[in-house]
All heavy atoms as atom14 arrays in JSON, in Angstrom:
{
  "sequence": "GELHGAAAVANQFVGRAQATQTALVNGSVGVVVAPYG",
  "atom14_mask": [
    [1, 1, 1, 1, 0, 0, 0, 0, 0, 0, 0, 0, 0, 0],
    [1, 1, 1, 1, 1, 1, 1, 1, 1, 0, 0, 0, 0, 0],
    [1, 1, 1, 1, 1, 1, 1, 1, 0, 0, 0, 0, 0, 0],
    [1, 1, 1, 1, 1, 1, 1, 1, 1, 1, 0, 0, 0, 0],
    [1, 1, 1, 1, 0, 0, 0, 0, 0, 0, 0, 0, 0, 0],
    [1, 1, 1, 1, 1, 0, 0, 0, 0, 0, 0, 0, 0, 0],
    [1, 1, 1, 1, 1, 0, 0, 0, 0, 0, 0, 0, 0, 0],
    [1, 1, 1, 1, 1, 0, 0, 0, 0, 0, 0, 0, 0, 0],
    [1, 1, 1, 1, 1, 1, 1, 0, 0, 0, 0, 0, 0, 0],
    [1, 1, 1, 1, 1, 0, 0, 0, 0, 0, 0, 0, 0, 0],
    [1, 1, 1, 1, 1, 1, 1, 1, 0, 0, 0, 0, 0, 0],
    [1, 1, 1, 1, 1, 1, 1, 1, 1, 0, 0, 0, 0, 0],
    [1, 1, 1, 1, 1, 1, 1, 1, 1, 1, 1, 0, 0, 0],
    [1, 1, 1, 1, 1, 1, 1, 0, 0, 0, 0, 0, 0, 0],
    [1, 1, 1, 1, 0, 0, 0, 0, 0, 0, 0, 0, 0, 0],
    [1, 1, 1, 1, 1, 1, 1, 1, 1, 1, 1, 0, 0, 0],
    [1, 1, 1, 1, 1, 0, 0, 0, 0, 0, 0, 0, 0, 0],
    [1, 1, 1, 1, 1, 1, 1, 1, 1, 0, 0, 0, 0, 0],
    [1, 1, 1, 1, 1, 0, 0, 0, 0, 0, 0, 0, 0, 0],
    [1, 1, 1, 1, 1, 1, 1, 0, 0, 0, 0, 0, 0, 0],
    [1, 1, 1, 1, 1, 1, 1, 1, 1, 0, 0, 0, 0, 0],
    [1, 1, 1, 1, 1, 1, 1, 0, 0, 0, 0, 0, 0, 0],
    [1, 1, 1, 1, 1, 0, 0, 0, 0, 0, 0, 0, 0, 0],
    [1, 1, 1, 1, 1, 1, 1, 1, 0, 0, 0, 0, 0, 0],
    [1, 1, 1, 1, 1, 1, 1, 0, 0, 0, 0, 0, 0, 0],
    [1, 1, 1, 1, 1, 1, 1, 1, 0, 0, 0, 0, 0, 0],
    [1, 1, 1, 1, 0, 0, 0, 0, 0, 0, 0, 0, 0, 0],
    [1, 1, 1, 1, 1, 1, 0, 0, 0, 0, 0, 0, 0, 0],
    [1, 1, 1, 1, 1, 1, 1, 0, 0, 0, 0, 0, 0, 0],
    [1, 1, 1, 1, 0, 0, 0, 0, 0, 0, 0, 0, 0, 0],
    [1, 1, 1, 1, 1, 1, 1, 0, 0, 0, 0, 0, 0, 0],
    [1, 1, 1, 1, 1, 1, 1, 0, 0, 0, 0, 0, 0, 0],
    [1, 1, 1, 1, 1, 1, 1, 0, 0, 0, 0, 0, 0, 0],
    [1, 1, 1, 1, 1, 0, 0, 0, 0, 0, 0, 0, 0, 0],
    [1, 1, 1, 1, 1, 1, 1, 0, 0, 0, 0, 0, 0, 0],
    [1, 1, 1, 1, 1, 1, 1, 1, 1, 1, 1, 1, 0, 0],
    [1, 1, 1, 1, 0, 0, 0, 0, 0, 0, 0, 0, 0, 0]
  ],
  "atom14_positions": [
    [[224.5, -70.23, -30.87], [225.02, -70.42, -32.21], [225.49, -71.84, -32.45], [225.54, -72.3, -33.59], [0.0, 0.0, 0.0], [0.0, 0.0, 0.0], [0.0, 0.0, 0.0], [0.0, 0.0, 0.0], [0.0, 0.0, 0.0], [0.0, 0.0, 0.0], [0.0, 0.0, 0.0], [0.0, 0.0, 0.0], [0.0, 0.0, 0.0], [0.0, 0.0, 0.0]],
    [[225.83, -72.54, -31.36], [226.27, -73.92, -31.47], [225.5, -74.79, -30.49], [225.18, -74.36, -29.38], [227.77, -74.06, -31.17], [228.68, -73.58, -32.28], [230.13, -74.01, -32.06], [230.39, -74.81, -31.12], [231.0, -73.56, -32.82], [0.0, 0.0, 0.0], [0.0, 0.0, 0.0], [0.0, 0.0, 0.0], [0.0, 0.0, 0.0], [0.0, 0.0, 0.0]],
    [[225.2, -76.01, -30.93], [224.58, -77.01, -30.06], [225.47, -78.24, -30.07], [226.03, -78.61, -31.12], [223.18, -77.37, -30.54], [222.12, -76.27, -30.46], [220.81, -76.78, -31.06], [221.9, -75.83, -29.01], [0.0, 0.0, 0.0], [0.0, 0.0, 0.0], [0.0, 0.0, 0.0], [0.0, 0.0, 0.0], [0.0, 0.0, 0.0], [0.0, 0.0, 0.0]],
    [[225.61, -78.9, -28.92], [226.49, -80.05, -28.79], [225.7, -81.25, -28.28], [224.82, -81.12, -27.43], [227.64, -79.74, -27.83], [228.54, -78.65, -28.3], [229.76, -78.89, -28.89], [228.4, -77.3, -28.29], [230.33, -77.75, -29.21], [229.53, -76.75, -28.85], [0.0, 0.0, 0.0], [0.0, 0.0, 0.0], [0.0, 0.0, 0.0], [0.0, 0.0, 0.0]],
    [[226.04, -82.42, -28.82], [225.42, -83.65, -28.36], [224.3, -84.12, -29.25], [223.54, -83.33, -29.82], [0.0, 0.0, 0.0], [0.0, 0.0, 0.0], [0.0, 0.0, 0.0], [0.0, 0.0, 0.0], [0.0, 0.0, 0.0], [0.0, 0.0, 0.0], [0.0, 0.0, 0.0], [0.0, 0.0, 0.0], [0.0, 0.0, 0.0], [0.0, 0.0, 0.0]],
    [[224.19, -85.44, -29.4], [223.23, -86.03, -30.33], [221.79, -85.67, -30.0], [220.99, -85.37, -30.89], [223.42, -87.55, -30.36], [0.0, 0.0, 0.0], [0.0, 0.0, 0.0], [0.0, 0.0, 0.0], [0.0, 0.0, 0.0], [0.0, 0.0, 0.0], [0.0, 0.0, 0.0], [0.0, 0.0, 0.0], [0.0, 0.0, 0.0], [0.0, 0.0, 0.0]],
    [[221.43, -85.71, -28.73], [220.04, -85.44, -28.35], [219.65, -84.0, -28.68], [218.57, -83.74, -29.23], [219.82, -85.73, -26.87], [0.0, 0.0, 0.0], [0.0, 0.0, 0.0], [0.0, 0.0, 0.0], [0.0, 0.0, 0.0], [0.0, 0.0, 0.0], [0.0, 0.0, 0.0], [0.0, 0.0, 0.0], [0.0, 0.0, 0.0], [0.0, 0.0, 0.0]],
    [[220.54, -83.06, -28.34], [220.24, -81.65, -28.59], [220.12, -81.37, -30.09], [219.23, -80.64, -30.53], [221.33, -80.76, -27.98], [0.0, 0.0, 0.0], [0.0, 0.0, 0.0], [0.0, 0.0, 0.0], [0.0, 0.0, 0.0], [0.0, 0.0, 0.0], [0.0, 0.0, 0.0], [0.0, 0.0, 0.0], [0.0, 0.0, 0.0], [0.0, 0.0, 0.0]],
    [[221.01, -81.97, -30.87], [220.98, -81.75, -32.32], [219.77, -82.44, -32.94], [219.08, -81.87, -33.79], [222.29, -82.24, -32.97], [222.19, -82.19, -34.5], [223.47, -81.41, -32.5], [0.0, 0.0, 0.0], [0.0, 0.0, 0.0], [0.0, 0.0, 0.0], [0.0, 0.0, 0.0], [0.0, 0.0, 0.0], [0.0, 0.0, 0.0], [0.0, 0.0, 0.0]],
    [[219.47, -83.65, -32.51], [218.32, -84.37, -33.04], [217.03, -83.59, -32.8], [216.15, -83.54, -33.66], [218.22, -85.76, -32.4], [0.0, 0.0, 0.0], [0.0, 0.0, 0.0], [0.0, 0.0, 0.0], [0.0, 0.0, 0.0], [0.0, 0.0, 0.0], [0.0, 0.0, 0.0], [0.0, 0.0, 0.0], [0.0, 0.0, 0.0], [0.0, 0.0, 0.0]],
    [[216.92, -82.96, -31.64], [215.73, -82.16, -31.33], [215.53, -81.02, -32.31], [214.39, -80.59, -32.56], [215.83, -81.6, -29.91], [215.28, -82.56, -28.88], [214.3, -83.24, -29.13], [215.93, -82.62, -27.72], [0.0, 0.0, 0.0], [0.0, 0.0, 0.0], [0.0, 0.0, 0.0], [0.0, 0.0, 0.0], [0.0, 0.0, 0.0], [0.0, 0.0, 0.0]],
    [[216.61, -80.51, -32.88], [216.51, -79.4, -33.83], [215.97, -79.84, -35.19], [215.45, -79.02, -35.95], [217.89, -78.75, -34.02], [218.42, -78.06, -32.8], [217.5, -76.93, -32.34], [217.18, -76.02, -33.1], [217.09, -77.0, -31.09], [0.0, 0.0, 0.0], [0.0, 0.0, 0.0], [0.0, 0.0, 0.0], [0.0, 0.0, 0.0], [0.0, 0.0, 0.0]],
    [[216.12, -81.12, -35.51], [215.75, -81.58, -36.85], [214.54, -82.51, -36.9], [213.96, -82.69, -37.97], [216.95, -82.29, -37.5], [218.08, -81.36, -37.85], [219.2, -81.28, -37.04], [218.02, -80.55, -38.97], [220.24, -80.42, -37.35], [219.05, -79.69, -39.29], [220.17, -79.62, -38.48], [0.0, 0.0, 0.0], [0.0, 0.0, 0.0], [0.0, 0.0, 0.0]],
    [[214.17, -83.1, -35.8], [213.09, -84.08, -35.83], [211.8, -83.43, -36.35], [211.33, -82.42, -35.84], [212.89, -84.72, -34.44], [212.39, -83.71, -33.41], [211.96, -85.92, -34.53], [0.0, 0.0, 0.0], [0.0, 0.0, 0.0], [0.0, 0.0, 0.0], [0.0, 0.0, 0.0], [0.0, 0.0, 0.0], [0.0, 0.0, 0.0], [0.0, 0.0, 0.0]],
    [[211.27, -84.0, -37.42], [210.06, -83.48, -38.04], [210.24, -82.19, -38.82], [209.26, -81.57, -39.24], [0.0, 0.0, 0.0], [0.0, 0.0, 0.0], [0.0, 0.0, 0.0], [0.0, 0.0, 0.0], [0.0, 0.0, 0.0], [0.0, 0.0, 0.0], [0.0, 0.0, 0.0], [0.0, 0.0, 0.0], [0.0, 0.0, 0.0], [0.0, 0.0, 0.0]],
    [[211.5, -81.77, -39.07], [211.73, -80.45, -39.67], [212.64, -80.48, -40.9], [213.34, -79.51, -41.16], [212.38, -79.53, -38.63], [211.53, -79.27, -37.41], [212.25, -78.38, -36.42], [211.49, -78.21, -35.2], [211.93, -77.56, -34.14], [213.15, -77.01, -34.15], [211.18, -77.44, -33.05], [0.0, 0.0, 0.0], [0.0, 0.0, 0.0], [0.0, 0.0, 0.0]],
    [[212.64, -81.54, -41.64], [213.55, -81.6, -42.8], [212.77, -81.7, -44.11], [213.19, -82.37, -45.04], [214.52, -82.76, -42.67], [0.0, 0.0, 0.0], [0.0, 0.0, 0.0], [0.0, 0.0, 0.0], [0.0, 0.0, 0.0], [0.0, 0.0, 0.0], [0.0, 0.0, 0.0], [0.0, 0.0, 0.0], [0.0, 0.0, 0.0], [0.0, 0.0, 0.0]],
    [[211.64, -81.01, -44.19], [210.89, -80.99, -45.44], [211.64, -80.13, -46.45], [212.46, -79.3, -46.1], [209.48, -80.44, -45.2], [208.73, -81.11, -44.05], [208.7, -82.63, -44.14], [208.49, -83.19, -45.22], [208.91, -83.3, -43.02], [0.0, 0.0, 0.0], [0.0, 0.0, 0.0], [0.0, 0.0, 0.0], [0.0, 0.0, 0.0], [0.0, 0.0, 0.0]],
    [[211.35, -80.33, -47.71], [211.95, -79.54, -48.8], [213.47, -79.6, -48.78], [214.16, -78.62, -49.0], [211.48, -78.09, -48.75], [0.0, 0.0, 0.0], [0.0, 0.0, 0.0], [0.0, 0.0, 0.0], [0.0, 0.0, 0.0], [0.0, 0.0, 0.0], [0.0, 0.0, 0.0], [0.0, 0.0, 0.0], [0.0, 0.0, 0.0], [0.0, 0.0, 0.0]],
    [[214.0, -80.79, -48.47], [215.44, -80.99, -48.46], [215.83, -82.12, -49.41], [215.02, -83.0, -49.71], [215.95, -81.35, -47.05], [215.3, -82.56, -46.61], [215.69, -80.24, -46.06], [0.0, 0.0, 0.0], [0.0, 0.0, 0.0], [0.0, 0.0, 0.0], [0.0, 0.0, 0.0], [0.0, 0.0, 0.0], [0.0, 0.0, 0.0], [0.0, 0.0, 0.0]],
    [[217.07, -82.07, -49.86], [217.6, -83.15, -50.71], [219.11, -83.16, -50.62], [219.75, -82.12, -50.43], [217.18, -82.94, -52.18], [217.54, -84.12, -53.07], [217.02, -83.92, -54.5], [216.68, -82.84, -54.92], [216.96, -85.0, -55.26], [0.0, 0.0, 0.0], [0.0, 0.0, 0.0], [0.0, 0.0, 0.0], [0.0, 0.0, 0.0], [0.0, 0.0, 0.0]],
    [[219.68, -84.36, -50.72], [221.14, -84.46, -50.72], [221.7, -83.83, -51.99], [221.08, -83.85, -53.05], [221.6, -85.92, -50.64], [220.97, -86.67, -51.69], [221.27, -86.53, -49.3], [0.0, 0.0, 0.0], [0.0, 0.0, 0.0], [0.0, 0.0, 0.0], [0.0, 0.0, 0.0], [0.0, 0.0, 0.0], [0.0, 0.0, 0.0], [0.0, 0.0, 0.0]],
    [[222.9, -83.27, -51.86], [223.6, -82.65, -52.99], [225.07, -82.58, -52.63], [225.46, -82.82, -51.48], [223.05, -81.25, -53.27], [0.0, 0.0, 0.0], [0.0, 0.0, 0.0], [0.0, 0.0, 0.0], [0.0, 0.0, 0.0], [0.0, 0.0, 0.0], [0.0, 0.0, 0.0], [0.0, 0.0, 0.0], [0.0, 0.0, 0.0], [0.0, 0.0, 0.0]],
    [[225.9, -82.29, -53.63], [227.29, -82.0, -53.34], [227.39, -80.55, -52.87], [226.99, -79.64, -53.59], [228.17, -82.22, -54.56], [228.54, -83.66, -54.91], [229.33, -83.69, -56.22], [229.36, -84.3, -53.78], [0.0, 0.0, 0.0], [0.0, 0.0, 0.0], [0.0, 0.0, 0.0], [0.0, 0.0, 0.0], [0.0, 0.0, 0.0], [0.0, 0.0, 0.0]],
    [[227.9, -80.36, -51.67], [228.08, -79.03, -51.09], [229.57, -78.82, -50.92], [230.2, -79.48, -50.08], [227.34, -78.89, -49.75], [227.61, -77.52, -49.13], [225.84, -79.12, -49.93], [0.0, 0.0, 0.0], [0.0, 0.0, 0.0], [0.0, 0.0, 0.0], [0.0, 0.0, 0.0], [0.0, 0.0, 0.0], [0.0, 0.0, 0.0], [0.0, 0.0, 0.0]],
    [[230.14, -77.96, -51.76], [231.59, -77.73, -51.75], [232.35, -79.05, -51.88], [233.38, -79.27, -51.22], [232.02, -76.98, -50.49], [231.5, -75.56, -50.47], [231.32, -74.93, -51.52], [231.24, -75.03, -49.28], [0.0, 0.0, 0.0], [0.0, 0.0, 0.0], [0.0, 0.0, 0.0], [0.0, 0.0, 0.0], [0.0, 0.0, 0.0], [0.0, 0.0, 0.0]],
    [[231.84, -79.94, -52.73], [232.55, -81.17, -53.04], [232.26, -82.36, -52.15], [232.74, -83.47, -52.41], [0.0, 0.0, 0.0], [0.0, 0.0, 0.0], [0.0, 0.0, 0.0], [0.0, 0.0, 0.0], [0.0, 0.0, 0.0], [0.0, 0.0, 0.0], [0.0, 0.0, 0.0], [0.0, 0.0, 0.0], [0.0, 0.0, 0.0], [0.0, 0.0, 0.0]],
    [[231.49, -82.17, -51.08], [231.15, -83.26, -50.16], [229.64, -83.41, -50.09], [228.9, -82.48, -50.42], [231.72, -82.99, -48.77], [233.13, -82.87, -48.8], [0.0, 0.0, 0.0], [0.0, 0.0, 0.0], [0.0, 0.0, 0.0], [0.0, 0.0, 0.0], [0.0, 0.0, 0.0], [0.0, 0.0, 0.0], [0.0, 0.0, 0.0], [0.0, 0.0, 0.0]],
    [[229.18, -84.56, -49.61], [227.75, -84.79, -49.51], [227.16, -83.9, -48.43], [227.6, -83.92, -47.28], [227.44, -86.26, -49.21], [225.92, -86.48, -49.1], [228.02, -87.18, -50.28], [0.0, 0.0, 0.0], [0.0, 0.0, 0.0], [0.0, 0.0, 0.0], [0.0, 0.0, 0.0], [0.0, 0.0, 0.0], [0.0, 0.0, 0.0], [0.0, 0.0, 0.0]],
    [[226.18, -83.12, -48.82], [225.48, -82.24, -47.89], [224.02, -82.18, -48.25], [223.48, -83.1, -48.87], [0.0, 0.0, 0.0], [0.0, 0.0, 0.0], [0.0, 0.0, 0.0], [0.0, 0.0, 0.0], [0.0, 0.0, 0.0], [0.0, 0.0, 0.0], [0.0, 0.0, 0.0], [0.0, 0.0, 0.0], [0.0, 0.0, 0.0], [0.0, 0.0, 0.0]],
    [[223.37, -81.09, -47.88], [221.92, -80.98, -48.05], [221.57, -79.58, -48.56], [222.14, -78.59, -48.09], [221.19, -81.22, -46.71], [219.68, -81.07, -46.86], [221.53, -82.61, -46.15], [0.0, 0.0, 0.0], [0.0, 0.0, 0.0], [0.0, 0.0, 0.0], [0.0, 0.0, 0.0], [0.0, 0.0, 0.0], [0.0, 0.0, 0.0], [0.0, 0.0, 0.0]],
    [[220.63, -79.53, -49.51], [220.05, -78.24, -49.9], [218.66, -78.16, -49.31], [217.93, -79.15, -49.25], [219.99, -78.05, -51.43], [221.38, -77.93, -52.02], [219.21, -79.17, -52.12], [0.0, 0.0, 0.0], [0.0, 0.0, 0.0], [0.0, 0.0, 0.0], [0.0, 0.0, 0.0], [0.0, 0.0, 0.0], [0.0, 0.0, 0.0], [0.0, 0.0, 0.0]],
    [[218.29, -76.98, -48.86], [216.94, -76.7, -48.35], [216.31, -75.74, -49.35], [216.75, -74.6, -49.49], [216.99, -76.07, -46.95], [215.57, -75.91, -46.38], [217.87, -76.88, -46.02], [0.0, 0.0, 0.0], [0.0, 0.0, 0.0], [0.0, 0.0, 0.0], [0.0, 0.0, 0.0], [0.0, 0.0, 0.0], [0.0, 0.0, 0.0], [0.0, 0.0, 0.0]],
    [[215.27, -76.21, -50.03], [214.75, -75.42, -51.15], [213.26, -75.63, -51.36], [212.84, -76.38, -52.23], [215.51, -75.78, -52.44], [0.0, 0.0, 0.0], [0.0, 0.0, 0.0], [0.0, 0.0, 0.0], [0.0, 0.0, 0.0], [0.0, 0.0, 0.0], [0.0, 0.0, 0.0], [0.0, 0.0, 0.0], [0.0, 0.0, 0.0], [0.0, 0.0, 0.0]],
    [[212.41, -74.97, -50.56], [210.96, -75.07, -50.79], [210.62, -74.61, -52.2], [211.07, -73.56, -52.65], [210.37, -74.13, -49.74], [211.44, -73.99, -48.69], [212.74, -74.09, -49.42], [0.0, 0.0, 0.0], [0.0, 0.0, 0.0], [0.0, 0.0, 0.0], [0.0, 0.0, 0.0], [0.0, 0.0, 0.0], [0.0, 0.0, 0.0], [0.0, 0.0, 0.0]],
    [[209.83, -75.41, -52.9], [209.44, -75.12, -54.28], [210.65, -74.87, -55.18], [210.59, -74.15, -56.17], [208.49, -73.92, -54.35], [207.18, -74.16, -53.65], [206.94, -73.61, -52.39], [206.19, -74.94, -54.24], [205.74, -73.85, -51.73], [204.99, -75.18, -53.58], [204.77, -74.63, -52.33], [203.58, -74.86, -51.69], [0.0, 0.0, 0.0], [0.0, 0.0, 0.0]],
    [[211.79, -75.48, -54.83], [212.98, -75.33, -55.65], [213.73, -74.03, -55.46], [214.7, -73.76, -56.16], [0.0, 0.0, 0.0], [0.0, 0.0, 0.0], [0.0, 0.0, 0.0], [0.0, 0.0, 0.0], [0.0, 0.0, 0.0], [0.0, 0.0, 0.0], [0.0, 0.0, 0.0], [0.0, 0.0, 0.0], [0.0, 0.0, 0.0], [0.0, 0.0, 0.0]]
  ]
}
């Protein structure tokens, strides 16, 4: 359920952030994942 460390986390996202965009998430900068909106 949790991963620690930059390398382990980077491995989870490399090449896998399609259909994403920055947005305000609960008032802070975050990301929405929304294929075809």
